[in-house]
Amino acid sequence: MRKVIIMGAGKIGRAIAKHLSHSGDYLITMIDKSQAALAHLKDLQNTTLTQADPKSIDEMVALFNGDCVISACSFDINKMIAEAALKVGCSYFDLTEDVETTDAVETVAANAKSGQIFMPQCGLAPGFIGILAHSLSKQFDELEQVKLRVGALPLHPSNMMKYNLTWSTEGLINEYCNPCHAIVNGESVEVMPLEGLEVFSLDGIDYEAFNTSGGLGPLHETLAGRVKRLDYKTVRYQGHCHLMRFLMRDLKMGNRAGMLKEIFEEAVPITKQDVVLIFVSISGKKNGEYQQITNARKIYHQTLYGEEWSSIQITTASGICAVVDLFFEGKLPSKGYVKQEEVNVEDLLNNRFGRYFVPKA
């Protein structure tokens, strides 16, 4: 049995635990400071629940006893979790979209032991979207433009924001506030969040997309020198970006993340009736011709293991569970820092967890 520690028993952490437990191949230690959060998993097979609020690396080292640790925690403590994993000698995976956190994990990974990898950004965006885009880009002899678009949207928007909370509120605020990586005219640049607004239609529905931080992962480094234009944008229903600009900039709530989190969680309801939209468009020279390839898919909420899962739970948990599976199967690099682009997309889509990224007919 593969021994895994999961840090954080929130919506995504619980989904990861259920995926791995029901596979029958994993022994899980779930760690969270909240007994109420852990209680959701009290009947889960092959799972040990540990209530703890480790505030130091040494405290975490004492709790870690496994082959790898998966962080489903807020991005601001991931560096400490990675450092504890390094000390113990287990591999590390997380879901962060935060650029500084990812850079810190990469620094920790420089001291990895043989067989120990550090792989941040293993969810949807960053995560699967980068794996898909990189795979498609390899079909071209010359790259002109690479567009990545992802959105987790309520199926039935009923407020002025046309949005419901579907994942981490801290992560949402973070990606709306921080600078965004892009490549413009062949040069790596930073662009502002909530800018670059564009509109498009898919399956008869109108959407907008705009710059947000972190979703690109390290793809701007991987494709540097190969592509003229590269960007990542978050997809929302039309009108959302205008309201977020007013809130974040005109009212300066982007500087008061704690208060904004409280407002969102009091005023914007959670929904499990959502859809994840994934869209990659690549243009360039292929076999001497200027061509474009587009890959668009929608993943809907569904019932798994006897309960309703939101589509963002499905895609985020499935993404990290798939790469953990691939790690144990020897299909990833065996030491150090691992980028999402190093995952073979066919390996992922054929994986028992990665198959959830294949839309149902």
Protein backbone atom coordinates (compact mmCIF):
# COMPACT_ATOMS: atom_id res chain seq x y z
CA MET A 1 0.00 0.00 0.00
CA ARG A 2 1.18 3.51 -0.82
CA LYS A 3 1.37 5.73 2.26
CA VAL A 4 0.20 9.32 1.75
CA ILE A 5 -0.21 12.27 4.10
CA ILE A 6 -2.85 14.85 3.16
CA MET A 7 -2.61 18.25 4.79
CA GLY A 8 -5.98 20.02 4.90
CA ALA A 9 -9.46 18.46 5.15
CA GLY A 10 -11.35 21.16 3.28
CA LYS A 11 -13.51 20.57 0.21
CA ILE A 12 -10.60 19.64 -2.05
CA GLY A 13 -8.60 17.76 0.60
CA ARG A 14 -11.60 15.57 1.37
CA ALA A 15 -12.15 14.89 -2.33
CA ILE A 16 -8.51 13.83 -2.71
CA ALA A 17 -8.81 11.49 0.27
CA LYS A 18 -11.97 9.88 -1.10
CA HIS A 19 -10.45 9.32 -4.53
CA LEU A 20 -7.35 7.69 -3.06
CA SER A 21 -9.22 5.68 -0.44
CA HIS A 22 -11.72 4.21 -2.89
CA SER A 23 -8.88 3.16 -5.21
CA GLY A 24 -7.83 0.62 -2.58
CA ASP A 25 -4.12 1.31 -3.12
CA TYR A 26 -3.46 4.02 -0.55
CA LEU A 27 -3.08 4.30 3.21
CA ILE A 28 -3.97 7.88 4.12
CA THR A 29 -3.15 10.09 7.07
CA MET A 30 -5.37 13.17 6.99
CA ILE A 31 -4.20 16.12 9.10
CA ASP A 32 -6.31 19.17 9.91
CA LYS A 33 -6.77 21.48 12.90
CA SER A 34 -10.58 21.24 12.66
CA GLN A 35 -12.34 18.25 14.17
CA ALA A 36 -15.48 19.24 12.27
CA ALA A 37 -13.63 19.06 8.95
CA LEU A 38 -12.13 15.68 9.83
CA ALA A 39 -15.54 14.35 10.86
CA HIS A 40 -16.58 14.28 7.19
CA LEU A 41 -14.08 11.43 6.71
CA LYS A 42 -14.73 9.40 9.86
CA ASP A 43 -16.00 6.35 7.94
CA LEU A 44 -13.43 6.45 5.13
CA GLN A 45 -11.49 3.21 4.75
CA ASN A 46 -7.69 3.07 5.05
CA THR A 47 -7.70 6.58 6.51
CA THR A 48 -6.29 7.81 9.82
CA LEU A 49 -7.56 11.17 11.03
CA THR A 50 -5.18 13.40 12.98
CA GLN A 51 -6.32 16.64 14.56
CA ALA A 52 -3.31 18.94 14.73
CA ASP A 53 -2.35 22.51 13.92
CA PRO A 54 1.39 22.28 13.27
CA LYS A 55 3.00 25.68 13.44
CA SER A 56 6.61 24.67 12.79
CA ILE A 57 8.60 22.43 10.49
CA ASP A 58 9.64 20.21 13.38
CA GLU A 59 6.01 19.67 14.41
CA MET A 60 5.17 18.57 10.90
CA VAL A 61 8.22 16.31 10.68
CA ALA A 62 6.91 14.49 13.75
CA LEU A 63 3.56 13.92 12.01
CA PHE A 64 4.84 12.90 8.57
CA ASN A 65 5.12 9.16 8.09
CA GLY A 66 4.61 8.25 4.46
CA ASP A 67 5.91 8.14 0.91
CA CYS A 68 4.54 11.55 -0.04
CA VAL A 69 2.66 14.53 1.35
CA ILE A 70 -0.14 16.32 -0.49
CA SER A 71 -0.90 19.87 0.58
CA ALA A 72 -4.51 20.95 0.18
CA CYS A 73 -3.85 23.91 2.49
CA SER A 74 -3.80 27.62 1.85
CA PHE A 75 -0.77 28.65 -0.23
CA ASP A 76 0.81 30.63 2.60
CA ILE A 77 1.93 27.54 4.57
CA ASN A 78 3.05 25.37 1.65
CA LYS A 79 6.68 26.40 1.89
CA MET A 80 6.85 25.10 5.46
CA ILE A 81 5.15 21.85 4.45
CA ALA A 82 7.64 21.40 1.62
CA GLU A 83 10.57 22.00 3.98
CA ALA A 84 9.19 19.39 6.38
CA ALA A 85 8.81 16.91 3.51
CA LEU A 86 12.44 17.52 2.56
CA LYS A 87 13.59 16.71 6.09
CA VAL A 88 11.54 13.51 6.26
CA GLY A 89 12.54 12.40 2.77
CA CYS A 90 9.04 12.10 1.32
CA SER A 91 7.86 13.62 -1.95
CA TYR A 92 5.64 16.70 -2.07
CA PHE A 93 2.62 17.76 -4.16
CA ASP A 94 0.39 20.82 -3.88
CA LEU A 95 -2.38 22.78 -5.62
CA THR A 96 -1.09 26.33 -5.27
CA GLU A 97 -1.55 29.01 -7.90
CA ASP A 98 0.67 31.43 -5.98
CA VAL A 99 3.83 32.27 -7.91
CA GLU A 100 6.03 33.14 -4.91
CA THR A 101 5.06 29.90 -3.16
CA THR A 102 5.94 27.89 -6.25
CA ASP A 103 9.33 29.61 -6.47
CA ALA A 104 9.95 28.77 -2.80
CA VAL A 105 9.08 25.10 -3.37
CA GLU A 106 11.46 25.00 -6.33
CA THR A 107 14.24 26.29 -4.07
CA VAL A 108 13.48 23.59 -1.49
CA ALA A 109 13.54 20.97 -4.26
CA ALA A 110 17.16 21.77 -5.09
CA ASN A 111 18.14 19.68 -2.05
CA ALA A 112 15.89 16.71 -2.84
CA LYS A 113 17.17 13.20 -2.26
CA SER A 114 17.11 10.45 -4.86
CA GLY A 115 13.53 9.31 -5.44
CA GLN A 116 12.12 12.48 -3.85
CA ILE A 117 10.25 14.96 -6.04
CA PHE A 118 8.58 18.31 -5.39
CA MET A 119 5.66 19.02 -7.70
CA PRO A 120 3.54 22.11 -7.00
CA GLN A 121 0.57 23.38 -9.01
CA CYS A 122 -1.03 19.96 -9.57
CA GLY A 123 -4.68 20.94 -9.90
CA LEU A 124 -6.65 22.36 -12.82
CA ALA A 125 -5.06 25.75 -13.50
CA PRO A 126 -2.21 25.61 -12.95
CA GLY A 127 -2.00 21.90 -13.59
CA PHE A 128 -4.00 20.10 -16.25
CA ILE A 129 -4.31 23.18 -18.47
CA GLY A 130 -0.51 23.44 -18.74
CA ILE A 131 -0.12 19.73 -19.47
CA LEU A 132 -2.72 19.95 -22.25
CA ALA A 133 -1.33 23.16 -23.78
CA HIS A 134 2.26 21.91 -23.77
CA SER A 135 1.26 18.64 -25.40
CA LEU A 136 -0.63 20.44 -28.19
CA SER A 137 2.23 22.90 -28.71
CA LYS A 138 4.60 20.03 -29.56
CA GLN A 139 2.61 19.38 -32.74
CA PHE A 140 3.89 22.66 -34.24
CA ASP A 141 7.21 23.39 -35.94
CA GLU A 142 6.88 27.10 -35.11
CA LEU A 143 4.60 28.62 -32.48
CA GLU A 144 2.81 31.92 -33.00
CA GLN A 145 0.27 32.12 -30.20
CA VAL A 146 -0.83 29.96 -27.26
CA LYS A 147 -4.04 30.83 -25.40
CA LEU A 148 -5.11 29.12 -22.16
CA ARG A 149 -8.60 29.82 -20.81
CA VAL A 150 -10.20 28.19 -17.76
CA GLY A 151 -13.30 28.96 -15.72
CA ALA A 152 -15.24 27.30 -12.90
CA LEU A 153 -18.74 28.70 -13.32
CA PRO A 154 -22.13 28.21 -11.69
CA LEU A 155 -24.61 26.50 -13.99
CA HIS A 156 -27.38 28.78 -12.75
CA PRO A 157 -25.94 32.25 -11.94
CA SER A 158 -28.48 34.28 -9.98
CA ASN A 159 -26.61 37.31 -8.62
CA MET A 160 -25.12 40.42 -10.19
CA MET A 161 -21.62 38.90 -10.05
CA LYS A 162 -22.90 35.90 -12.03
CA TYR A 163 -20.66 33.83 -9.79
CA ASN A 164 -20.76 31.44 -6.84
CA LEU A 165 -17.92 30.29 -4.62
CA THR A 166 -16.68 26.92 -5.79
CA TRP A 167 -13.16 26.67 -4.33
CA SER A 168 -10.66 28.49 -2.09
CA THR A 169 -11.72 32.08 -1.38
CA GLU A 170 -8.10 33.01 -0.55
CA GLY A 171 -6.97 31.58 -3.88
CA LEU A 172 -9.66 33.49 -5.76
CA ILE A 173 -8.66 36.81 -4.20
CA ASN A 174 -4.98 36.05 -4.75
CA GLU A 175 -5.39 35.42 -8.48
CA TYR A 176 -7.44 38.63 -8.91
CA CYS A 177 -4.77 40.78 -7.21
CA ASN A 178 -1.30 39.59 -8.25
CA PRO A 179 0.68 40.25 -11.46
CA CYS A 180 0.35 37.65 -14.23
CA HIS A 181 3.05 36.07 -16.39
CA ALA A 182 2.72 36.27 -20.17
CA ILE A 183 4.82 36.36 -23.33
CA VAL A 184 4.26 39.33 -25.64
CA ASN A 185 6.19 39.75 -28.92
CA GLY A 186 8.49 36.94 -27.82
CA GLU A 187 9.41 38.60 -24.51
CA SER A 188 8.45 37.40 -21.01
CA VAL A 189 6.45 40.13 -19.27
CA GLU A 190 4.15 40.68 -16.32
CA VAL A 191 0.65 41.93 -17.04
CA MET A 192 -1.95 43.26 -14.63
CA PRO A 193 -4.80 41.11 -13.30
CA LEU A 194 -8.35 42.01 -14.39
CA GLU A 195 -6.96 43.45 -17.65
CA GLY A 196 -6.89 42.06 -21.18
CA LEU A 197 -10.67 41.67 -21.24
CA GLU A 198 -12.03 39.69 -24.19
CA VAL A 199 -15.40 38.15 -25.03
CA PHE A 200 -16.21 34.92 -26.85
CA SER A 201 -19.00 32.38 -27.31
CA LEU A 202 -18.93 28.63 -26.81
CA ASP A 203 -21.90 26.33 -27.36
CA GLY A 204 -24.13 29.38 -27.75
CA ILE A 205 -23.18 30.93 -24.39
CA ASP A 206 -21.38 34.30 -24.12
CA TYR A 207 -18.35 34.50 -21.84
CA GLU A 208 -15.60 36.96 -20.96
CA ALA A 209 -11.99 36.24 -20.08
CA PHE A 210 -9.35 38.38 -18.37
CA ASN A 211 -5.86 38.14 -16.90
CA THR A 212 -5.47 36.38 -13.55
CA SER A 213 -2.36 35.28 -11.71
CA GLY A 214 -0.85 31.82 -11.44
CA GLY A 215 -2.90 29.75 -13.89
CA LEU A 216 -0.10 29.67 -16.46
CA GLY A 217 2.25 27.86 -14.08
CA PRO A 218 5.82 27.68 -15.44
CA LEU A 219 4.71 27.39 -19.08
CA HIS A 220 6.09 30.84 -19.85
CA GLU A 221 9.52 29.49 -18.92
CA THR A 222 9.08 26.22 -20.81
CA LEU A 223 8.01 27.96 -24.04
CA ALA A 224 10.38 30.93 -23.75
CA GLY A 225 12.10 31.54 -27.08
CA ARG A 226 9.56 29.36 -28.93
CA VAL A 227 6.34 31.38 -28.93
CA LYS A 228 5.51 34.98 -29.79
CA ARG A 229 2.38 35.33 -27.65
CA LEU A 230 1.32 33.31 -24.63
CA ASP A 231 -1.28 34.13 -21.99
CA TYR A 232 -3.67 32.66 -19.44
CA LYS A 233 -7.08 34.14 -18.66
CA THR A 234 -9.91 33.19 -16.32
CA VAL A 235 -13.34 32.70 -17.87
CA ARG A 236 -16.47 34.22 -16.33
CA TYR A 237 -19.94 35.21 -17.48
CA GLN A 238 -20.06 38.68 -19.00
CA GLY A 239 -20.06 41.58 -16.55
CA HIS A 240 -18.08 39.91 -13.77
CA CYS A 241 -14.75 41.61 -14.52
CA HIS A 242 -16.29 45.09 -14.39
CA LEU A 243 -17.63 44.46 -10.87
CA MET A 244 -14.31 42.99 -9.69
CA ARG A 245 -12.41 46.03 -10.94
CA PHE A 246 -14.77 48.29 -9.00
CA LEU A 247 -14.38 46.18 -5.86
CA MET A 248 -10.64 45.56 -6.02
CA ARG A 249 -9.48 48.92 -7.34
CA ASP A 250 -12.04 51.67 -6.86
CA LEU A 251 -12.96 50.48 -3.35
CA LYS A 252 -9.36 49.28 -2.75
CA MET A 253 -10.56 45.95 -1.35
CA GLY A 254 -7.63 44.24 -3.05
CA ASN A 255 -5.52 45.65 -0.22
CA ARG A 256 -7.82 44.21 2.46
CA ALA A 257 -7.85 40.52 1.65
CA GLY A 258 -9.09 39.42 5.08
CA MET A 259 -12.14 41.68 4.97
CA LEU A 260 -12.84 40.77 1.34
CA LYS A 261 -12.73 37.05 2.19
CA GLU A 262 -15.24 37.61 4.99
CA ILE A 263 -17.56 39.57 2.68
CA PHE A 264 -17.40 36.96 -0.08
CA GLU A 265 -18.07 34.07 2.26
CA GLU A 266 -20.99 35.86 3.90
CA ALA A 267 -22.58 37.18 0.71
CA VAL A 268 -21.70 34.77 -2.12
CA PRO A 269 -23.17 31.29 -1.70
CA ILE A 270 -21.29 28.07 -2.45
CA THR A 271 -22.66 25.83 -5.19
CA LYS A 272 -21.92 22.29 -6.30
CA GLN A 273 -23.94 22.79 -9.48
CA ASP A 274 -21.12 24.11 -11.61
CA VAL A 275 -19.23 23.53 -14.83
CA VAL A 276 -15.50 23.77 -15.54
CA LEU A 277 -14.66 25.19 -18.95
CA ILE A 278 -11.22 24.33 -20.37
CA PHE A 279 -10.07 25.97 -23.60
CA VAL A 280 -6.68 25.89 -25.34
CA SER A 281 -6.03 27.49 -28.73
CA ILE A 282 -2.65 27.29 -30.46
CA SER A 283 -1.58 28.73 -33.81
CA GLY A 284 1.65 28.47 -35.74
CA LYS A 285 3.47 26.72 -38.58
CA LYS A 286 2.88 23.01 -39.06
CA ASN A 287 4.16 21.12 -42.09
CA GLY A 288 4.82 24.43 -43.80
CA GLU A 289 1.28 25.74 -43.27
CA TYR A 290 -0.08 28.33 -40.83
CA GLN A 291 -2.56 26.30 -38.75
CA GLN A 292 -4.61 26.50 -35.57
CA ILE A 293 -5.57 23.75 -33.13
CA THR A 294 -8.27 24.27 -30.51
CA ASN A 295 -9.15 21.93 -27.65
CA ALA A 296 -12.30 22.83 -25.70
CA ARG A 297 -14.00 20.72 -23.06
CA LYS A 298 -16.59 21.14 -20.34
CA ILE A 299 -16.59 19.08 -17.15
CA TYR A 300 -19.85 18.97 -15.19
CA HIS A 301 -20.65 18.22 -11.57
CA GLN A 302 -21.64 14.61 -10.88
CA THR A 303 -22.27 12.05 -8.16
CA LEU A 304 -19.16 10.17 -6.96
CA TYR A 305 -18.98 7.67 -4.11
CA GLY A 306 -22.61 8.34 -3.23
CA GLU A 307 -22.39 12.14 -2.94
CA GLU A 308 -22.52 15.17 -5.20
CA TRP A 309 -19.17 16.62 -6.25
CA SER A 310 -18.77 20.01 -7.88
CA SER A 311 -16.86 20.07 -11.15
CA ILE A 312 -14.05 22.09 -9.55
CA GLN A 313 -13.71 19.41 -6.86
CA ILE A 314 -13.60 16.73 -9.54
CA THR A 315 -11.01 18.41 -11.74
CA THR A 316 -8.76 19.69 -8.97
CA ALA A 317 -8.74 16.48 -6.92
CA SER A 318 -8.47 14.28 -10.01
CA GLY A 319 -5.52 16.28 -11.32
CA ILE A 320 -3.39 15.84 -8.22
CA CYS A 321 -4.45 12.22 -7.64
CA ALA A 322 -3.49 11.36 -11.22
CA VAL A 323 0.04 12.78 -10.93
CA VAL A 324 0.52 11.06 -7.55
CA ASP A 325 -0.50 7.80 -9.25
CA LEU A 326 1.95 8.48 -12.09
CA PHE A 327 4.69 9.18 -9.56
CA PHE A 328 4.23 5.78 -7.93
CA GLU A 329 4.09 4.14 -11.37
CA GLY A 330 7.50 5.62 -12.25
CA LYS A 331 6.13 7.82 -15.04
CA LEU A 332 7.53 11.08 -13.65
CA PRO A 333 11.11 12.29 -13.12
CA SER A 334 12.64 10.61 -10.07
CA LYS A 335 14.25 13.57 -8.30
CA GLY A 336 13.87 17.28 -7.66
CA TYR A 337 11.48 19.90 -8.96
CA VAL A 338 8.90 18.66 -11.49
CA LYS A 339 6.87 20.91 -13.77
CA GLN A 340 3.40 20.03 -14.98
CA GLU A 341 4.68 20.08 -18.57
CA GLU A 342 6.81 17.03 -17.77
CA VAL A 343 3.63 14.93 -17.51
CA ASN A 344 2.62 13.00 -20.62
CA VAL A 345 -0.97 14.05 -21.34
CA GLU A 346 -1.93 10.59 -22.63
CA ASP A 347 -0.61 8.98 -19.44
CA LEU A 348 -2.76 11.37 -17.43
CA LEU A 349 -5.94 10.98 -19.49
CA ASN A 350 -5.63 7.19 -19.41
CA ASN A 351 -5.15 7.21 -15.64
CA ARG A 352 -8.06 6.12 -13.43
CA PHE A 353 -8.26 9.63 -11.93
CA GLY A 354 -7.24 11.59 -15.02
CA ARG A 355 -10.12 10.09 -16.98
CA TYR A 356 -12.41 12.64 -15.31
CA PHE A 357 -10.91 15.24 -17.65
CA VAL A 358 -12.46 13.38 -20.59
CA PRO A 359 -15.93 14.88 -21.17
CA LYS A 360 -18.80 12.42 -21.21
CA ALA A 361 -20.43 11.94 -24.60
